[in-house]
Amino acid sequence: MSLKSKLVLLLTYWFFRDIGLPDKEFMLSLRSSLHPTTRQARINTEKLDRALGDVLFINLKESDFQEVKRNDMVFLYDPNNKSYSPHKEASELFSKWYKLGKTNMHKSCEEYLSHNIRDEKVKSVSYLSHLYAGNNDTTKEIWGACILNAGHSHSQYISRTSAVK
């Protein structure tokens, strides 16, 4: 069924391309489709996200990547060398924010981290709903993470930013 569905999608792509639909629009339709043919094709979502270019992919050192595979993570972005690394204190706070649930007086994790983080390097906190962390050829898809910016907001992927007090 998977091969048949992939062939149907390829033919559909060629049809839409012939009538002038941009490739990006077709790829976006694959991401959000509940149509059985699309689901049965078992599209590699990581490759689709790379092709669309609207999801952040971060590269980590091996030791940092092993840590990310085990825990919720908050990453520190260093604009000087354009690198990411896990931030242990903020990651612990991020986990606590989830556990507080409805009793939490902070409406967002950005607000909570902004009020509780004690790192002088951090200038802003940004929430990302979707990103990939990787090392070499291995990646982990992450749904819901925060980026601590040690400087200005670092990319087009950040939609909301709050200043750290």
N, C-alpha and C. Protein backbone atom coordinates (compact mmCIF):
# COMPACT_ATOMS: atom_id res chain seq x y z
N MET A 1 0.82 -1.20 0.00
CA MET A 1 0.00 0.00 0.00
C MET A 1 0.87 1.26 0.00
N SER A 2 1.99 1.22 0.72
CA SER A 2 2.84 2.40 0.82
C SER A 2 3.40 2.81 -0.54
N LEU A 3 3.90 1.85 -1.30
CA LEU A 3 4.46 2.15 -2.61
C LEU A 3 3.38 2.71 -3.56
N LYS A 4 2.21 2.08 -3.54
CA LYS A 4 1.10 2.55 -4.38
C LYS A 4 0.72 3.98 -4.01
N SER A 5 0.65 4.27 -2.72
CA SER A 5 0.30 5.62 -2.27
C SER A 5 1.36 6.63 -2.67
N LYS A 6 2.62 6.24 -2.60
CA LYS A 6 3.70 7.15 -3.01
C LYS A 6 3.62 7.45 -4.51
N LEU A 7 3.29 6.44 -5.30
CA LEU A 7 3.12 6.66 -6.74
C LEU A 7 1.94 7.59 -7.03
N VAL A 8 0.85 7.42 -6.30
CA VAL A 8 -0.32 8.29 -6.46
C VAL A 8 0.06 9.73 -6.11
N LEU A 9 0.81 9.90 -5.03
CA LEU A 9 1.24 11.25 -4.65
C LEU A 9 2.18 11.86 -5.69
N LEU A 10 3.05 11.04 -6.27
CA LEU A 10 3.95 11.54 -7.31
C LEU A 10 3.15 12.01 -8.53
N LEU A 11 2.18 11.23 -8.94
CA LEU A 11 1.32 11.62 -10.06
C LEU A 11 0.52 12.89 -9.72
N THR A 12 0.05 12.96 -8.49
CA THR A 12 -0.69 14.15 -8.04
C THR A 12 0.22 15.37 -8.08
N TYR A 13 1.45 15.20 -7.60
CA TYR A 13 2.43 16.29 -7.63
C TYR A 13 2.65 16.77 -9.06
N TRP A 14 2.88 15.86 -9.99
CA TRP A 14 3.11 16.25 -11.39
C TRP A 14 1.90 16.99 -11.97
N PHE A 15 0.70 16.53 -11.62
CA PHE A 15 -0.50 17.21 -12.10
C PHE A 15 -0.54 18.65 -11.58
N PHE A 16 -0.38 18.81 -10.27
CA PHE A 16 -0.44 20.15 -9.69
C PHE A 16 0.70 21.04 -10.18
N ARG A 17 1.84 20.45 -10.45
CA ARG A 17 2.96 21.21 -10.99
C ARG A 17 2.62 21.71 -12.41
N ASP A 18 1.99 20.84 -13.19
CA ASP A 18 1.59 21.22 -14.56
C ASP A 18 0.59 22.37 -14.58
N ILE A 19 -0.28 22.43 -13.56
CA ILE A 19 -1.27 23.52 -13.55
C ILE A 19 -0.76 24.76 -12.81
N GLY A 20 0.49 24.72 -12.34
CA GLY A 20 1.11 25.92 -11.79
C GLY A 20 1.18 26.03 -10.28
N LEU A 21 0.85 24.99 -9.54
CA LEU A 21 0.95 25.05 -8.08
C LEU A 21 2.43 25.00 -7.68
N PRO A 22 2.89 25.95 -6.87
CA PRO A 22 4.30 25.92 -6.44
C PRO A 22 4.62 24.66 -5.63
N ASP A 23 5.86 24.18 -5.75
CA ASP A 23 6.29 22.98 -5.03
C ASP A 23 6.06 23.12 -3.53
N LYS A 24 6.35 24.30 -2.99
CA LYS A 24 6.21 24.50 -1.55
C LYS A 24 4.77 24.31 -1.09
N GLU A 25 3.82 24.78 -1.89
CA GLU A 25 2.40 24.61 -1.54
C GLU A 25 2.02 23.13 -1.52
N PHE A 26 2.53 22.38 -2.46
CA PHE A 26 2.24 20.95 -2.48
C PHE A 26 2.85 20.27 -1.24
N MET A 27 4.08 20.63 -0.91
CA MET A 27 4.73 20.04 0.27
C MET A 27 3.98 20.40 1.54
N LEU A 28 3.49 21.63 1.64
CA LEU A 28 2.70 22.02 2.82
C LEU A 28 1.42 21.20 2.93
N SER A 29 0.84 20.87 1.79
CA SER A 29 -0.38 20.06 1.82
C SER A 29 -0.09 18.65 2.33
N LEU A 30 1.12 18.15 2.09
CA LEU A 30 1.49 16.82 2.58
C LEU A 30 1.63 16.81 4.10
N ARG A 31 2.06 17.92 4.65
CA ARG A 31 2.28 18.00 6.09
C ARG A 31 0.97 17.94 6.86
N SER A 32 -0.07 18.53 6.33
CA SER A 32 -1.29 18.65 7.12
C SER A 32 -2.44 17.79 6.61
N SER A 33 -2.18 16.90 5.70
CA SER A 33 -3.26 16.13 5.10
C SER A 33 -3.64 14.92 5.95
N LEU A 34 -4.93 14.72 6.07
CA LEU A 34 -5.45 13.51 6.72
C LEU A 34 -5.98 12.52 5.69
N HIS A 35 -5.75 12.82 4.42
CA HIS A 35 -6.22 11.94 3.36
C HIS A 35 -5.51 10.58 3.50
N PRO A 36 -6.24 9.48 3.33
CA PRO A 36 -5.64 8.15 3.50
C PRO A 36 -4.42 7.91 2.59
N THR A 37 -4.44 8.42 1.37
CA THR A 37 -3.31 8.21 0.47
C THR A 37 -2.05 8.84 1.04
N THR A 38 -2.17 10.06 1.58
CA THR A 38 -1.02 10.74 2.16
C THR A 38 -0.52 10.00 3.39
N ARG A 39 -1.42 9.58 4.23
CA ARG A 39 -1.00 8.84 5.44
C ARG A 39 -0.36 7.50 5.08
N GLN A 40 -0.92 6.79 4.12
CA GLN A 40 -0.39 5.48 3.74
C GLN A 40 0.96 5.57 3.04
N ALA A 41 1.28 6.74 2.48
CA ALA A 41 2.56 6.91 1.80
C ALA A 41 3.72 6.96 2.80
N ARG A 42 3.41 7.20 4.06
CA ARG A 42 4.43 7.23 5.12
C ARG A 42 5.61 8.12 4.73
N ILE A 43 5.29 9.36 4.47
CA ILE A 43 6.30 10.33 4.06
C ILE A 43 7.26 10.59 5.22
N ASN A 44 8.53 10.70 4.93
CA ASN A 44 9.54 11.02 5.93
C ASN A 44 9.36 12.49 6.32
N THR A 45 8.78 12.72 7.49
CA THR A 45 8.45 14.09 7.90
C THR A 45 9.71 14.93 8.16
N GLU A 46 10.77 14.30 8.59
CA GLU A 46 12.01 15.06 8.80
C GLU A 46 12.53 15.62 7.48
N LYS A 47 12.54 14.80 6.44
CA LYS A 47 12.99 15.28 5.13
C LYS A 47 12.03 16.34 4.58
N LEU A 48 10.74 16.16 4.83
CA LEU A 48 9.77 17.15 4.39
C LEU A 48 10.01 18.49 5.11
N ASP A 49 10.25 18.43 6.42
CA ASP A 49 10.52 19.65 7.18
C ASP A 49 11.81 20.33 6.72
N ARG A 50 12.82 19.53 6.39
CA ARG A 50 14.08 20.10 5.85
C ARG A 50 13.81 20.80 4.52
N ALA A 51 13.02 20.17 3.66
CA ALA A 51 12.74 20.74 2.34
C ALA A 51 11.94 22.03 2.46
N LEU A 52 11.00 22.08 3.39
CA LEU A 52 10.19 23.28 3.57
C LEU A 52 10.99 24.40 4.22
N GLY A 53 11.94 24.05 5.07
CA GLY A 53 12.82 25.04 5.68
C GLY A 53 12.19 25.91 6.74
N ASP A 54 11.07 25.49 7.32
CA ASP A 54 10.43 26.32 8.33
C ASP A 54 10.50 25.72 9.74
N VAL A 55 11.31 24.68 9.90
CA VAL A 55 11.53 24.06 11.21
C VAL A 55 13.02 24.16 11.51
N LEU A 56 13.34 24.52 12.75
CA LEU A 56 14.73 24.68 13.15
C LEU A 56 15.40 23.33 13.35
N PHE A 57 16.59 23.17 12.79
CA PHE A 57 17.44 22.00 13.00
C PHE A 57 18.70 22.50 13.69
N ILE A 58 18.98 21.94 14.88
CA ILE A 58 20.18 22.36 15.59
C ILE A 58 21.14 21.19 15.70
N ASN A 59 22.41 21.51 15.61
CA ASN A 59 23.46 20.51 15.71
C ASN A 59 24.09 20.59 17.09
N LEU A 60 24.26 19.46 17.75
CA LEU A 60 24.81 19.41 19.10
C LEU A 60 26.03 18.51 19.17
N LYS A 61 26.84 18.75 20.19
CA LYS A 61 27.94 17.82 20.48
C LYS A 61 27.33 16.49 20.92
N GLU A 62 28.08 15.40 20.77
CA GLU A 62 27.58 14.06 21.11
C GLU A 62 27.07 13.99 22.55
N SER A 63 27.83 14.50 23.50
CA SER A 63 27.41 14.44 24.91
C SER A 63 26.13 15.23 25.15
N ASP A 64 25.99 16.39 24.51
CA ASP A 64 24.77 17.19 24.64
C ASP A 64 23.58 16.47 24.00
N PHE A 65 23.82 15.83 22.86
CA PHE A 65 22.74 15.12 22.17
C PHE A 65 22.24 13.95 23.03
N GLN A 66 23.13 13.24 23.70
CA GLN A 66 22.72 12.14 24.57
C GLN A 66 21.83 12.65 25.71
N GLU A 67 22.14 13.83 26.22
CA GLU A 67 21.34 14.45 27.28
C GLU A 67 19.95 14.83 26.75
N VAL A 68 19.89 15.35 25.55
CA VAL A 68 18.63 15.75 24.94
C VAL A 68 17.73 14.55 24.71
N LYS A 69 18.31 13.41 24.39
CA LYS A 69 17.51 12.21 24.14
C LYS A 69 16.78 11.74 25.39
N ARG A 70 17.27 12.14 26.58
CA ARG A 70 16.68 11.66 27.84
C ARG A 70 15.72 12.65 28.50
N ASN A 71 15.84 13.93 28.24
CA ASN A 71 15.11 14.92 29.04
C ASN A 71 14.46 16.00 28.19
N ASP A 72 13.51 16.72 28.82
CA ASP A 72 13.02 17.97 28.22
C ASP A 72 14.18 18.94 28.20
N MET A 73 14.23 19.75 27.19
CA MET A 73 15.40 20.61 27.07
C MET A 73 15.06 22.05 26.80
N VAL A 74 15.91 22.88 27.35
CA VAL A 74 15.97 24.29 27.00
C VAL A 74 17.39 24.48 26.48
N PHE A 75 17.50 25.17 25.36
CA PHE A 75 18.80 25.35 24.71
C PHE A 75 19.26 26.79 24.85
N LEU A 76 20.55 26.95 25.01
CA LEU A 76 21.17 28.27 25.00
C LEU A 76 21.77 28.48 23.63
N TYR A 77 21.38 29.59 22.99
CA TYR A 77 21.93 29.93 21.68
C TYR A 77 23.00 30.99 21.86
N ASP A 78 24.20 30.71 21.37
CA ASP A 78 25.31 31.65 21.43
C ASP A 78 25.50 32.25 20.05
N PRO A 79 25.15 33.54 19.88
CA PRO A 79 25.25 34.15 18.54
C PRO A 79 26.68 34.34 18.07
N ASN A 80 27.64 34.36 18.99
CA ASN A 80 29.04 34.55 18.58
C ASN A 80 29.55 33.40 17.72
N ASN A 81 29.27 32.17 18.15
CA ASN A 81 29.71 31.02 17.34
C ASN A 81 28.54 30.26 16.72
N LYS A 82 27.33 30.86 16.79
CA LYS A 82 26.12 30.29 16.18
C LYS A 82 25.92 28.83 16.58
N SER A 83 26.01 28.57 17.88
CA SER A 83 25.87 27.20 18.36
C SER A 83 24.82 27.11 19.46
N TYR A 84 24.35 25.90 19.67
CA TYR A 84 23.35 25.61 20.70
C TYR A 84 23.95 24.63 21.70
N SER A 85 23.51 24.77 22.95
CA SER A 85 23.89 23.81 23.97
C SER A 85 22.76 23.73 24.98
N PRO A 86 22.57 22.56 25.59
CA PRO A 86 21.53 22.44 26.62
C PRO A 86 21.86 23.33 27.81
N HIS A 87 20.84 23.89 28.43
CA HIS A 87 21.00 24.73 29.61
C HIS A 87 20.33 24.00 30.77
N LYS A 88 21.14 23.44 31.66
CA LYS A 88 20.63 22.55 32.70
C LYS A 88 19.64 23.23 33.64
N GLU A 89 19.98 24.40 34.17
CA GLU A 89 19.10 25.10 35.11
C GLU A 89 17.75 25.41 34.46
N ALA A 90 17.78 25.95 33.26
CA ALA A 90 16.53 26.30 32.57
C ALA A 90 15.73 25.06 32.21
N SER A 91 16.41 23.96 31.88
CA SER A 91 15.70 22.71 31.55
C SER A 91 14.95 22.19 32.77
N GLU A 92 15.55 22.30 33.94
CA GLU A 92 14.87 21.88 35.17
C GLU A 92 13.66 22.77 35.46
N LEU A 93 13.82 24.08 35.24
CA LEU A 93 12.70 25.00 35.43
C LEU A 93 11.57 24.71 34.43
N PHE A 94 11.94 24.40 33.19
CA PHE A 94 10.97 24.08 32.14
C PHE A 94 10.14 22.86 32.54
N SER A 95 10.79 21.84 33.07
CA SER A 95 10.07 20.64 33.54
C SER A 95 9.13 20.98 34.69
N LYS A 96 9.58 21.85 35.60
CA LYS A 96 8.74 22.25 36.74
C LYS A 96 7.51 23.01 36.26
N TRP A 97 7.68 23.84 35.23
CA TRP A 97 6.56 24.63 34.72
C TRP A 97 5.43 23.71 34.27
N TYR A 98 5.76 22.61 33.57
CA TYR A 98 4.75 21.65 33.13
C TYR A 98 4.04 21.02 34.32
N LYS A 99 4.81 20.68 35.35
CA LYS A 99 4.24 20.00 36.51
C LYS A 99 3.34 20.90 37.35
N LEU A 100 3.56 22.22 37.27
CA LEU A 100 2.73 23.15 38.04
C LEU A 100 1.29 23.19 37.55
N GLY A 101 1.11 22.94 36.26
CA GLY A 101 -0.23 22.87 35.68
C GLY A 101 -1.05 24.11 35.92
N LYS A 102 -2.31 23.94 36.33
CA LYS A 102 -3.23 25.06 36.50
C LYS A 102 -2.88 25.95 37.69
N THR A 103 -2.06 25.47 38.60
CA THR A 103 -1.69 26.29 39.76
C THR A 103 -0.60 27.29 39.41
N ASN A 104 -0.05 27.21 38.23
CA ASN A 104 1.03 28.10 37.81
C ASN A 104 0.48 29.49 37.50
N MET A 105 1.07 30.51 38.13
CA MET A 105 0.61 31.88 37.87
C MET A 105 1.16 32.44 36.57
N HIS A 106 2.14 31.78 35.97
CA HIS A 106 2.72 32.23 34.71
C HIS A 106 1.97 31.56 33.56
N LYS A 107 1.48 32.33 32.64
CA LYS A 107 0.68 31.82 31.53
C LYS A 107 1.50 31.06 30.49
N SER A 108 2.76 31.42 30.34
CA SER A 108 3.59 30.77 29.32
C SER A 108 4.92 30.34 29.92
N CYS A 109 5.54 29.37 29.26
CA CYS A 109 6.85 28.93 29.73
C CYS A 109 7.90 30.03 29.56
N GLU A 110 7.74 30.88 28.52
CA GLU A 110 8.68 31.99 28.33
C GLU A 110 8.64 32.92 29.53
N GLU A 111 7.42 33.24 29.96
CA GLU A 111 7.26 34.13 31.11
C GLU A 111 7.85 33.49 32.36
N TYR A 112 7.56 32.24 32.58
CA TYR A 112 8.07 31.52 33.75
C TYR A 112 9.60 31.51 33.76
N LEU A 113 10.20 31.15 32.63
CA LEU A 113 11.66 31.12 32.57
C LEU A 113 12.24 32.53 32.71
N SER A 114 11.60 33.51 32.11
CA SER A 114 12.08 34.89 32.20
C SER A 114 12.14 35.37 33.64
N HIS A 115 11.16 34.96 34.45
CA HIS A 115 11.13 35.40 35.84
C HIS A 115 12.05 34.58 36.74
N ASN A 116 12.43 33.39 36.34
CA ASN A 116 13.17 32.50 37.23
C ASN A 116 14.61 32.19 36.83
N ILE A 117 14.99 32.47 35.62
CA ILE A 117 16.35 32.15 35.18
C ILE A 117 17.32 33.16 35.76
N ARG A 118 18.48 32.70 36.18
CA ARG A 118 19.47 33.57 36.82
C ARG A 118 20.78 33.61 36.04
N ASP A 119 20.70 33.45 34.75
CA ASP A 119 21.90 33.45 33.91
C ASP A 119 22.05 34.83 33.28
N GLU A 120 23.15 35.50 33.58
CA GLU A 120 23.40 36.86 33.09
C GLU A 120 23.52 36.94 31.57
N LYS A 121 23.94 35.84 30.92
CA LYS A 121 24.12 35.84 29.47
C LYS A 121 22.80 35.88 28.71
N VAL A 122 21.74 35.44 29.32
CA VAL A 122 20.45 35.29 28.64
C VAL A 122 19.76 36.64 28.50
N LYS A 123 19.45 37.00 27.26
CA LYS A 123 18.79 38.28 26.95
C LYS A 123 17.31 38.11 26.65
N SER A 124 16.91 36.96 26.13
CA SER A 124 15.50 36.71 25.83
C SER A 124 15.22 35.22 25.82
N VAL A 125 13.94 34.88 25.93
CA VAL A 125 13.49 33.49 25.92
C VAL A 125 12.47 33.34 24.79
N SER A 126 12.64 32.30 23.99
CA SER A 126 11.73 32.06 22.87
C SER A 126 11.22 30.63 22.92
N TYR A 127 9.94 30.47 22.66
CA TYR A 127 9.35 29.14 22.62
C TYR A 127 9.25 28.68 21.17
N LEU A 128 9.63 27.43 20.93
CA LEU A 128 9.48 26.82 19.62
C LEU A 128 8.60 25.59 19.78
N SER A 129 7.57 25.48 18.98
CA SER A 129 6.68 24.34 19.10
C SER A 129 7.27 23.08 18.48
N HIS A 130 8.22 23.26 17.54
CA HIS A 130 8.73 22.10 16.81
C HIS A 130 10.15 22.38 16.37
N LEU A 131 11.05 21.44 16.64
CA LEU A 131 12.43 21.54 16.17
C LEU A 131 13.05 20.17 16.17
N TYR A 132 14.22 20.08 15.56
CA TYR A 132 14.99 18.84 15.54
C TYR A 132 16.36 19.13 16.14
N ALA A 133 16.80 18.25 17.03
CA ALA A 133 18.16 18.32 17.57
C ALA A 133 18.90 17.11 17.03
N GLY A 134 20.15 17.31 16.65
CA GLY A 134 20.88 16.20 16.06
C GLY A 134 22.36 16.23 16.30
N ASN A 135 22.97 15.09 16.02
CA ASN A 135 24.40 14.92 16.05
C ASN A 135 24.74 13.95 14.93
N ASN A 136 25.59 14.40 14.02
CA ASN A 136 25.94 13.62 12.83
C ASN A 136 24.66 13.28 12.06
N ASP A 137 24.39 12.00 11.84
CA ASP A 137 23.21 11.60 11.06
C ASP A 137 22.01 11.23 11.92
N THR A 138 22.10 11.39 13.24
CA THR A 138 21.02 11.02 14.14
C THR A 138 20.30 12.28 14.61
N THR A 139 18.98 12.27 14.53
CA THR A 139 18.19 13.41 14.99
C THR A 139 17.09 12.96 15.93
N LYS A 140 16.64 13.91 16.73
CA LYS A 140 15.49 13.69 17.59
C LYS A 140 14.51 14.83 17.33
N GLU A 141 13.28 14.47 17.03
CA GLU A 141 12.24 15.47 16.84
C GLU A 141 11.74 15.91 18.21
N ILE A 142 11.66 17.22 18.41
CA ILE A 142 11.25 17.75 19.71
C ILE A 142 10.02 18.63 19.50
N TRP A 143 8.99 18.32 20.27
CA TRP A 143 7.76 19.11 20.24
C TRP A 143 7.70 19.92 21.52
N GLY A 144 7.95 21.21 21.41
CA GLY A 144 7.90 22.11 22.55
C GLY A 144 9.23 22.24 23.23
N ALA A 145 9.93 23.32 22.97
CA ALA A 145 11.22 23.60 23.61
C ALA A 145 11.40 25.10 23.68
N CYS A 146 12.30 25.52 24.53
CA CYS A 146 12.62 26.94 24.64
C CYS A 146 14.07 27.17 24.25
N ILE A 147 14.30 28.33 23.67
CA ILE A 147 15.65 28.75 23.31
C ILE A 147 15.96 29.99 24.12
N LEU A 148 17.08 29.95 24.84
CA LEU A 148 17.57 31.12 25.56
C LEU A 148 18.55 31.81 24.63
N ASN A 149 18.31 33.07 24.36
CA ASN A 149 19.14 33.81 23.44
C ASN A 149 20.17 34.63 24.20
N ALA A 150 21.44 34.35 23.97
CA ALA A 150 22.52 35.11 24.59
C ALA A 150 22.87 36.25 23.65
N GLY A 151 21.95 37.12 23.44
CA GLY A 151 22.10 38.23 22.49
C GLY A 151 20.74 38.52 21.90
N HIS A 152 20.70 38.83 20.64
CA HIS A 152 19.44 39.14 19.95
C HIS A 152 18.72 37.86 19.55
N SER A 153 17.44 38.01 19.17
CA SER A 153 16.69 36.87 18.66
C SER A 153 17.40 36.33 17.43
N HIS A 154 17.56 35.02 17.32
CA HIS A 154 18.51 34.45 16.38
C HIS A 154 17.98 33.95 15.06
N SER A 155 16.70 33.80 14.86
CA SER A 155 16.28 33.25 13.57
C SER A 155 14.82 33.53 13.28
N GLN A 156 14.42 33.23 12.06
CA GLN A 156 13.04 33.44 11.65
C GLN A 156 12.11 32.43 12.30
N TYR A 157 12.66 31.41 12.96
CA TYR A 157 11.82 30.37 13.55
C TYR A 157 11.17 30.84 14.85
N ILE A 158 11.73 31.87 15.45
CA ILE A 158 11.22 32.36 16.72
C ILE A 158 10.03 33.26 16.46
N SER A 159 8.89 32.88 17.01
CA SER A 159 7.70 33.66 16.76
C SER A 159 7.37 34.59 17.93
N ARG A 160 7.70 34.17 19.14
CA ARG A 160 7.39 34.99 20.31
C ARG A 160 8.66 35.12 21.15
N THR A 161 8.91 36.31 21.65
CA THR A 161 10.09 36.55 22.47
C THR A 161 9.69 37.41 23.66
N SER A 162 10.24 37.09 24.82
CA SER A 162 10.01 37.93 25.99
C SER A 162 11.35 38.24 26.63
N ALA A 163 11.50 39.44 27.09
CA ALA A 163 12.77 39.86 27.68
C ALA A 163 12.95 39.21 29.04
N VAL A 164 14.15 38.87 29.37
CA VAL A 164 14.48 38.30 30.67
C VAL A 164 14.75 39.43 31.64
N LYS A 165 14.18 39.34 32.80
CA LYS A 165 14.39 40.40 33.81
C LYS A 165 15.65 40.12 34.60
